[in-house]
Amino acid sequence: MAQVEIVTPGTRLGTTQDFLPGAGTYVRPDDLNAIGGRGSTIVAALAGFRIVQQPTTTAHAAASASTAAASHAMEIDDDNDAAGAASARQVLPSIHVVRDLHDANPIPAIGNVVTATVTSITSRFAKVNILCVGSSPLREPFHGMIRIQDVRETEKDKVEMYKSFRPGDIVRAEVISLGDSRSYFLATSKNDLGVVFAESAAGASMLPVSWCEMQCPKTKAKEFRKVAKTF
């Protein structure tokens, strides 16, 4: 259950040691807490409701697996270092501020599968607008980013962004990090994630022919994509 309270701009919400900063917040620069090793202060950017969202079960499971692997690799006499590494790998709850509690957008959380439209491409990442969280449509989109290292699971050094996505594509992706105050970090590395809709130059909805290609039904021309497996 999310914890809710009313806040105003500038209200101290917590620190990055305890929370991940989400929508409607920012991290105070050059903060004394950070110098003291207690994490930077997270501050409300607007007046509204403070919401603390707990990590999903998927995120907890991923963190636990990562922590177990790290602990197994540690030497016995490095107990303190191992404990620090385990703590760093824990998935923290995220903290957000929304203006209207009842009409608020569903808030993406780590482990959520989202639907997004690609808005622009560079050689290193694709920018997207998140349209749905799970099956819940958003009143206003969140910004997201798919980095080149998060496109697929294997042969990451061979990934080319322009052969994976194009502006206008609709993609299914998983939230892997809250990123910064501007964008969520998304991944399409799993088989069922990637492009689910793309339009060809002829204006037709392309059909998937493999995990890395789609074909125009009119012209039969093929284009590269990181295709989501939908069956």
C-alpha atoms as a PDB file:
ATOM      1  CA  MET A   1       0.000   0.000   0.000  1.00  0.00           C
ATOM      2  CA  ALA A   2       1.341   3.467  -0.906  1.00  0.00           C
ATOM      3  CA  GLN A   3       1.937   5.938   1.918  1.00  0.00           C
ATOM      4  CA  VAL A   4       0.464   9.405   1.239  1.00  0.00           C
ATOM      5  CA  GLU A   5       0.844  12.883   2.761  1.00  0.00           C
ATOM      6  CA  ILE A   6       0.442  16.477   1.535  1.00  0.00           C
ATOM      7  CA  VAL A   7       3.638  18.429   0.745  1.00  0.00           C
ATOM      8  CA  THR A   8       4.630  21.819  -0.690  1.00  0.00           C
ATOM      9  CA  PRO A   9       7.518  22.781  -3.026  1.00  0.00           C
ATOM     10  CA  GLY A  10      10.838  22.469  -1.226  1.00  0.00           C
ATOM     11  CA  THR A  11       9.573  19.988   1.359  1.00  0.00           C
ATOM     12  CA  ARG A  12      12.256  17.483   2.324  1.00  0.00           C
ATOM     13  CA  LEU A  13      10.942  14.030   1.395  1.00  0.00           C
ATOM     14  CA  GLY A  14      13.849  11.781   2.336  1.00  0.00           C
ATOM     15  CA  THR A  15      17.325  10.876   1.132  1.00  0.00           C
ATOM     16  CA  THR A  16      18.711   8.826  -1.734  1.00  0.00           C
ATOM     17  CA  GLN A  17      19.992   6.372   0.867  1.00  0.00           C
ATOM     18  CA  ASP A  18      16.401   5.346   1.595  1.00  0.00           C
ATOM     19  CA  PHE A  19      14.410   6.202  -1.558  1.00  0.00           C
ATOM     20  CA  LEU A  20      14.663   6.477  -5.326  1.00  0.00           C
ATOM     21  CA  PRO A  21      13.553   9.961  -6.533  1.00  0.00           C
ATOM     22  CA  GLY A  22      10.513   9.797  -8.803  1.00  0.00           C
ATOM     23  CA  ALA A  23       8.096  12.105 -10.606  1.00  0.00           C
ATOM     24  CA  GLY A  24       7.528  15.516  -9.017  1.00  0.00           C
ATOM     25  CA  THR A  25      10.800  15.443  -7.061  1.00  0.00           C
ATOM     26  CA  TYR A  26      14.404  16.468  -7.467  1.00  0.00           C
ATOM     27  CA  VAL A  27      17.675  15.791  -5.679  1.00  0.00           C
ATOM     28  CA  ARG A  28      19.188  18.799  -3.931  1.00  0.00           C
ATOM     29  CA  PRO A  29      22.723  19.417  -5.297  1.00  0.00           C
ATOM     30  CA  ASP A  30      25.766  19.855  -3.030  1.00  0.00           C
ATOM     31  CA  ASP A  31      23.815  18.551  -0.060  1.00  0.00           C
ATOM     32  CA  LEU A  32      25.478  18.209   3.347  1.00  0.00           C
ATOM     33  CA  ASN A  33      23.819  14.819   3.834  1.00  0.00           C
ATOM     34  CA  ALA A  34      25.724  13.487   0.818  1.00  0.00           C
ATOM     35  CA  ILE A  35      29.000  14.797   2.222  1.00  0.00           C
ATOM     36  CA  GLY A  36      28.225  13.032   5.500  1.00  0.00           C
ATOM     37  CA  GLY A  37      27.525   9.761   3.700  1.00  0.00           C
ATOM     38  CA  ARG A  38      23.770   9.783   4.389  1.00  0.00           C
ATOM     39  CA  GLY A  39      22.648  10.236   0.782  1.00  0.00           C
ATOM     40  CA  SER A  40      21.488  13.406  -0.988  1.00  0.00           C
ATOM     41  CA  THR A  41      18.205  15.032   0.043  1.00  0.00           C
ATOM     42  CA  ILE A  42      15.126  14.425  -2.134  1.00  0.00           C
ATOM     43  CA  VAL A  43      12.886  17.493  -2.317  1.00  0.00           C
ATOM     44  CA  ALA A  44       9.323  18.099  -3.566  1.00  0.00           C
ATOM     45  CA  ALA A  45       9.242  20.026  -6.851  1.00  0.00           C
ATOM     46  CA  LEU A  46       5.534  20.875  -6.611  1.00  0.00           C
ATOM     47  CA  ALA A  47       2.609  21.065  -4.209  1.00  0.00           C
ATOM     48  CA  GLY A  48       0.621  17.876  -3.937  1.00  0.00           C
ATOM     49  CA  PHE A  49       0.614  14.438  -2.408  1.00  0.00           C
ATOM     50  CA  ARG A  50       3.755  12.567  -1.367  1.00  0.00           C
ATOM     51  CA  ILE A  51       3.502   8.930  -2.421  1.00  0.00           C
ATOM     52  CA  VAL A  52       5.921   6.188  -1.417  1.00  0.00           C
ATOM     53  CA  GLN A  53       5.731   3.218  -3.760  1.00  0.00           C
ATOM     54  CA  GLN A  54       7.214  -0.088  -2.695  1.00  0.00           C
ATOM     55  CA  PRO A  55       9.227  -2.147  -5.219  1.00  0.00           C
ATOM     56  CA  THR A  56       7.420  -4.857  -7.145  1.00  0.00           C
ATOM     57  CA  THR A  57       7.899  -8.547  -6.408  1.00  0.00           C
ATOM     58  CA  THR A  58       9.888  -8.849  -9.655  1.00  0.00           C
ATOM     59  CA  ALA A  59      12.300  -6.141  -8.546  1.00  0.00           C
ATOM     60  CA  HIS A  60      12.744  -7.791  -5.125  1.00  0.00           C
ATOM     61  CA  ALA A  61      13.474 -11.147  -6.743  1.00  0.00           C
ATOM     62  CA  ALA A  62      16.040  -9.654  -9.112  1.00  0.00           C
ATOM     63  CA  ALA A  63      17.773  -7.821  -6.274  1.00  0.00           C
ATOM     64  CA  SER A  64      17.831 -10.945  -4.096  1.00  0.00           C
ATOM     65  CA  ALA A  65      19.371 -13.016  -6.882  1.00  0.00           C
ATOM     66  CA  SER A  66      22.003 -10.351  -7.525  1.00  0.00           C
ATOM     67  CA  THR A  67      22.830 -10.077  -3.828  1.00  0.00           C
ATOM     68  CA  ALA A  68      23.121 -13.856  -3.414  1.00  0.00           C
ATOM     69  CA  ALA A  69      25.508 -14.088  -6.356  1.00  0.00           C
ATOM     70  CA  ALA A  70      27.641 -11.248  -5.009  1.00  0.00           C
ATOM     71  CA  SER A  71      27.793 -12.762  -1.512  1.00  0.00           C
ATOM     72  CA  HIS A  72      28.823 -16.168  -2.879  1.00  0.00           C
ATOM     73  CA  ALA A  73      31.728 -14.562  -4.710  1.00  0.00           C
ATOM     74  CA  MET A  74      33.014 -12.731  -1.593  1.00  0.00           C
ATOM     75  CA  GLU A  75      35.776 -14.098   0.655  1.00  0.00           C
ATOM     76  CA  ILE A  76      34.858 -14.879   4.287  1.00  0.00           C
ATOM     77  CA  ASP A  77      37.160 -12.179   5.641  1.00  0.00           C
ATOM     78  CA  ASP A  78      35.398  -9.500   3.562  1.00  0.00           C
ATOM     79  CA  ASP A  79      32.145  -9.634   5.536  1.00  0.00           C
ATOM     80  CA  ASN A  80      31.880  -5.881   5.899  1.00  0.00           C
ATOM     81  CA  ASP A  81      32.439  -5.261   2.201  1.00  0.00           C
ATOM     82  CA  ALA A  82      29.920  -7.970   1.321  1.00  0.00           C
ATOM     83  CA  ALA A  83      27.310  -6.401   3.572  1.00  0.00           C
ATOM     84  CA  GLY A  84      27.882  -3.039   1.911  1.00  0.00           C
ATOM     85  CA  ALA A  85      27.568  -4.552  -1.537  1.00  0.00           C
ATOM     86  CA  ALA A  86      24.370  -6.374  -0.569  1.00  0.00           C
ATOM     87  CA  SER A  87      22.874  -3.174   0.801  1.00  0.00           C
ATOM     88  CA  ALA A  88      23.725  -1.303  -2.397  1.00  0.00           C
ATOM     89  CA  ARG A  89      21.911  -3.951  -4.434  1.00  0.00           C
ATOM     90  CA  GLN A  90      18.665  -3.716  -2.475  1.00  0.00           C
ATOM     91  CA  VAL A  91      15.771  -2.272  -4.436  1.00  0.00           C
ATOM     92  CA  LEU A  92      14.654   0.882  -2.651  1.00  0.00           C
ATOM     93  CA  PRO A  93      11.093   2.213  -2.552  1.00  0.00           C
ATOM     94  CA  SER A  94      10.465   5.173  -4.855  1.00  0.00           C
ATOM     95  CA  ILE A  95       9.060   8.525  -3.756  1.00  0.00           C
ATOM     96  CA  HIS A  96       6.823  10.754  -5.913  1.00  0.00           C
ATOM     97  CA  VAL A  97       4.700  13.905  -5.676  1.00  0.00           C
ATOM     98  CA  VAL A  98       1.423  14.166  -7.644  1.00  0.00           C
ATOM     99  CA  ARG A  99      -0.951  17.145  -7.811  1.00  0.00           C
ATOM    100  CA  ASP A 100      -4.237  15.220  -7.731  1.00  0.00           C
ATOM    101  CA  LEU A 101      -4.354  11.998  -5.771  1.00  0.00           C
ATOM    102  CA  HIS A 102      -7.566  10.686  -7.334  1.00  0.00           C
ATOM    103  CA  ASP A 103      -6.712  11.532 -10.944  1.00  0.00           C
ATOM    104  CA  ALA A 104      -3.039  10.705 -10.692  1.00  0.00           C
ATOM    105  CA  ASN A 105      -1.312   8.723 -13.399  1.00  0.00           C
ATOM    106  CA  PRO A 106      -0.318   5.175 -12.544  1.00  0.00           C
ATOM    107  CA  ILE A 107       3.342   5.518 -11.572  1.00  0.00           C
ATOM    108  CA  PRO A 108       5.863   3.218 -13.288  1.00  0.00           C
ATOM    109  CA  ALA A 109       7.861   1.113 -10.837  1.00  0.00           C
ATOM    110  CA  ILE A 110      10.902  -1.086 -11.290  1.00  0.00           C
ATOM    111  CA  GLY A 111       9.751  -4.399 -12.757  1.00  0.00           C
ATOM    112  CA  ASN A 112       6.635  -2.960 -14.429  1.00  0.00           C
ATOM    113  CA  VAL A 113       6.061  -3.703 -18.111  1.00  0.00           C
ATOM    114  CA  VAL A 114       5.089  -0.549 -19.990  1.00  0.00           C
ATOM    115  CA  THR A 115       3.956   0.362 -23.492  1.00  0.00           C
ATOM    116  CA  ALA A 116       5.719   3.316 -25.083  1.00  0.00           C
ATOM    117  CA  THR A 117       6.124   5.122 -28.390  1.00  0.00           C
ATOM    118  CA  VAL A 118       9.589   5.921 -29.733  1.00  0.00           C
ATOM    119  CA  THR A 119      10.103   9.658 -30.223  1.00  0.00           C
ATOM    120  CA  SER A 120      13.756   9.886 -31.278  1.00  0.00           C
ATOM    121  CA  ILE A 121      16.865   7.781 -31.864  1.00  0.00           C
ATOM    122  CA  THR A 122      20.580   8.394 -31.360  1.00  0.00           C
ATOM    123  CA  SER A 123      23.510   6.008 -31.731  1.00  0.00           C
ATOM    124  CA  ARG A 124      23.426   5.355 -27.958  1.00  0.00           C
ATOM    125  CA  PHE A 125      19.761   5.369 -26.941  1.00  0.00           C
ATOM    126  CA  ALA A 126      16.120   5.700 -27.959  1.00  0.00           C
ATOM    127  CA  LYS A 127      13.849   8.234 -26.273  1.00  0.00           C
ATOM    128  CA  VAL A 128      10.259   7.150 -25.665  1.00  0.00           C
ATOM    129  CA  ASN A 129       7.011   8.382 -24.184  1.00  0.00           C
ATOM    130  CA  ILE A 130       5.430   5.853 -21.817  1.00  0.00           C
ATOM    131  CA  LEU A 131       1.720   5.500 -22.663  1.00  0.00           C
ATOM    132  CA  CYS A 132       0.585   2.621 -20.432  1.00  0.00           C
ATOM    133  CA  VAL A 133       1.753   0.968 -17.231  1.00  0.00           C
ATOM    134  CA  GLY A 134       0.678  -2.637 -17.553  1.00  0.00           C
ATOM    135  CA  SER A 135      -2.851  -2.374 -18.955  1.00  0.00           C
ATOM    136  CA  SER A 136      -3.508   1.045 -17.373  1.00  0.00           C
ATOM    137  CA  PRO A 137      -3.351   3.988 -19.827  1.00  0.00           C
ATOM    138  CA  LEU A 138      -1.757   7.224 -18.651  1.00  0.00           C
ATOM    139  CA  ARG A 139      -3.480  10.592 -18.752  1.00  0.00           C
ATOM    140  CA  GLU A 140      -0.085  12.185 -19.348  1.00  0.00           C
ATOM    141  CA  PRO A 141       2.957  10.272 -20.636  1.00  0.00           C
ATOM    142  CA  PHE A 142       6.175   9.740 -18.713  1.00  0.00           C
ATOM    143  CA  HIS A 143       9.506  10.069 -20.499  1.00  0.00           C
ATOM    144  CA  GLY A 144      11.712   7.019 -20.841  1.00  0.00           C
ATOM    145  CA  MET A 145      14.977   5.935 -22.391  1.00  0.00           C
ATOM    146  CA  ILE A 146      16.204   2.633 -23.828  1.00  0.00           C
ATOM    147  CA  ARG A 147      19.994   2.564 -23.739  1.00  0.00           C
ATOM    148  CA  ILE A 148      22.010   0.555 -26.248  1.00  0.00           C
ATOM    149  CA  GLN A 149      23.173  -1.904 -23.554  1.00  0.00           C
ATOM    150  CA  ASP A 150      19.557  -2.660 -22.586  1.00  0.00           C
ATOM    151  CA  VAL A 151      18.180  -3.495 -26.044  1.00  0.00           C
ATOM    152  CA  ARG A 152      18.883  -7.236 -25.987  1.00  0.00           C
ATOM    153  CA  GLU A 153      20.444  -9.881 -23.781  1.00  0.00           C
ATOM    154  CA  THR A 154      23.145 -11.255 -26.105  1.00  0.00           C
ATOM    155  CA  GLU A 155      25.778  -9.764 -28.440  1.00  0.00           C
ATOM    156  CA  LYS A 156      25.290  -6.349 -26.892  1.00  0.00           C
ATOM    157  CA  ASP A 157      28.402  -5.060 -28.647  1.00  0.00           C
ATOM    158  CA  LYS A 158      26.693  -5.624 -32.018  1.00  0.00           C
ATOM    159  CA  VAL A 159      23.522  -3.658 -31.255  1.00  0.00           C
ATOM    160  CA  GLU A 160      22.713  -0.742 -33.568  1.00  0.00           C
ATOM    161  CA  MET A 161      19.941   1.510 -32.319  1.00  0.00           C
ATOM    162  CA  TYR A 162      18.658   2.424 -35.789  1.00  0.00           C
ATOM    163  CA  LYS A 163      18.299  -1.298 -36.572  1.00  0.00           C
ATOM    164  CA  SER A 164      16.405  -1.856 -33.331  1.00  0.00           C
ATOM    165  CA  PHE A 165      13.842   0.967 -33.232  1.00  0.00           C
ATOM    166  CA  ARG A 166      12.522   3.815 -35.375  1.00  0.00           C
ATOM    167  CA  PRO A 167      10.578   6.940 -34.375  1.00  0.00           C
ATOM    168  CA  GLY A 168       6.873   6.106 -34.265  1.00  0.00           C
ATOM    169  CA  ASP A 169       7.371   2.472 -33.238  1.00  0.00           C
ATOM    170  CA  ILE A 170       5.297   1.138 -30.348  1.00  0.00           C
ATOM    171  CA  VAL A 171       7.389  -0.911 -27.932  1.00  0.00           C
ATOM    172  CA  ARG A 172       6.806  -3.081 -24.894  1.00  0.00           C
ATOM    173  CA  ALA A 173       9.565  -2.618 -22.312  1.00  0.00           C
ATOM    174  CA  GLU A 174      10.393  -3.253 -18.668  1.00  0.00           C
ATOM    175  CA  VAL A 175      11.249  -0.515 -16.182  1.00  0.00           C
ATOM    176  CA  ILE A 176      14.736  -1.340 -14.863  1.00  0.00           C
ATOM    177  CA  SER A 177      15.571   1.954 -13.135  1.00  0.00           C
ATOM    178  CA  LEU A 178      13.901   5.216 -12.231  1.00  0.00           C
ATOM    179  CA  GLY A 179      16.847   6.885 -13.969  1.00  0.00           C
ATOM    180  CA  ASP A 180      16.856  10.593 -13.203  1.00  0.00           C
ATOM    181  CA  SER A 181      14.106  13.168 -12.710  1.00  0.00           C
ATOM    182  CA  ARG A 182      13.558  13.346 -16.481  1.00  0.00           C
ATOM    183  CA  SER A 183      13.477   9.764 -17.766  1.00  0.00           C
ATOM    184  CA  TYR A 184      12.870   6.187 -16.673  1.00  0.00           C
ATOM    185  CA  PHE A 185      15.402   3.622 -17.895  1.00  0.00           C
ATOM    186  CA  LEU A 186      13.734   0.803 -19.830  1.00  0.00           C
ATOM    187  CA  ALA A 187      14.927  -2.522 -21.230  1.00  0.00           C
ATOM    188  CA  THR A 188      13.737  -4.715 -24.100  1.00  0.00           C
ATOM    189  CA  SER A 189      16.218  -7.540 -23.511  1.00  0.00           C
ATOM    190  CA  LYS A 190      13.635 -10.263 -22.769  1.00  0.00           C
ATOM    191  CA  ASN A 191      12.109 -12.212 -25.658  1.00  0.00           C
ATOM    192  CA  ASP A 192       8.596 -10.858 -25.123  1.00  0.00           C
ATOM    193  CA  LEU A 193       9.807  -7.247 -25.091  1.00  0.00           C
ATOM    194  CA  GLY A 194      10.569  -4.973 -28.031  1.00  0.00           C
ATOM    195  CA  VAL A 195       8.672  -3.543 -30.985  1.00  0.00           C
ATOM    196  CA  VAL A 196       5.003  -4.592 -31.115  1.00  0.00           C
ATOM    197  CA  PHE A 197       3.892  -2.162 -33.850  1.00  0.00           C
ATOM    198  CA  ALA A 198       5.782  -0.444 -36.657  1.00  0.00           C
ATOM    199  CA  GLU A 199       4.633   1.306 -39.811  1.00  0.00           C
ATOM    200  CA  SER A 200       6.428   0.829 -43.123  1.00  0.00           C
ATOM    201  CA  ALA A 201       7.354   3.577 -45.589  1.00  0.00           C
ATOM    202  CA  ALA A 202       4.240   2.560 -47.561  1.00  0.00           C
ATOM    203  CA  GLY A 203       2.049   3.295 -44.529  1.00  0.00           C
ATOM    204  CA  ALA A 204       1.214  -0.332 -43.740  1.00  0.00           C
ATOM    205  CA  SER A 205       1.449  -2.074 -40.382  1.00  0.00           C
ATOM    206  CA  MET A 206       4.485  -4.326 -40.642  1.00  0.00           C
ATOM    207  CA  LEU A 207       4.442  -7.989 -39.682  1.00  0.00           C
ATOM    208  CA  PRO A 208       7.156  -9.722 -37.626  1.00  0.00           C
ATOM    209  CA  VAL A 209       9.113 -12.318 -39.587  1.00  0.00           C
ATOM    210  CA  SER A 210      11.876 -12.968 -37.035  1.00  0.00           C
ATOM    211  CA  TRP A 211      13.171 -11.595 -33.739  1.00  0.00           C
ATOM    212  CA  CYS A 212      15.134  -8.944 -35.652  1.00  0.00           C
ATOM    213  CA  GLU A 213      13.044  -8.196 -38.775  1.00  0.00           C
ATOM    214  CA  MET A 214       9.588  -6.953 -39.772  1.00  0.00           C
ATOM    215  CA  GLN A 215       8.069  -6.948 -43.264  1.00  0.00           C
ATOM    216  CA  CYS A 216       5.712  -4.611 -45.102  1.00  0.00           C
ATOM    217  CA  PRO A 217       2.719  -6.641 -46.396  1.00  0.00           C
ATOM    218  CA  LYS A 218       2.351  -4.293 -49.378  1.00  0.00           C
ATOM    219  CA  THR A 219       5.884  -3.979 -50.728  1.00  0.00           C
ATOM    220  CA  LYS A 220       7.404  -7.060 -49.031  1.00  0.00           C
ATOM    221  CA  ALA A 221      10.320  -4.858 -47.980  1.00  0.00           C
ATOM    222  CA  LYS A 222      11.970  -5.890 -44.719  1.00  0.00           C
ATOM    223  CA  GLU A 223      13.281  -3.628 -41.973  1.00  0.00           C
ATOM    224  CA  PHE A 224      15.393  -4.403 -38.928  1.00  0.00           C
ATOM    225  CA  ARG A 225      13.791  -4.137 -35.488  1.00  0.00           C
ATOM    226  CA  LYS A 226      14.183  -5.647 -32.022  1.00  0.00           C
ATOM    227  CA  VAL A 227      10.877  -7.511 -32.292  1.00  0.00           C
ATOM    228  CA  ALA A 228       8.793  -8.561 -29.289  1.00  0.00           C
ATOM    229  CA  LYS A 229       7.777 -12.221 -29.322  1.00  0.00           C
ATOM    230  CA  THR A 230       3.994 -12.113 -29.031  1.00  0.00           C
ATOM    231  CA  PHE A 231       3.232 -15.832 -29.172  1.00  0.00           C
END
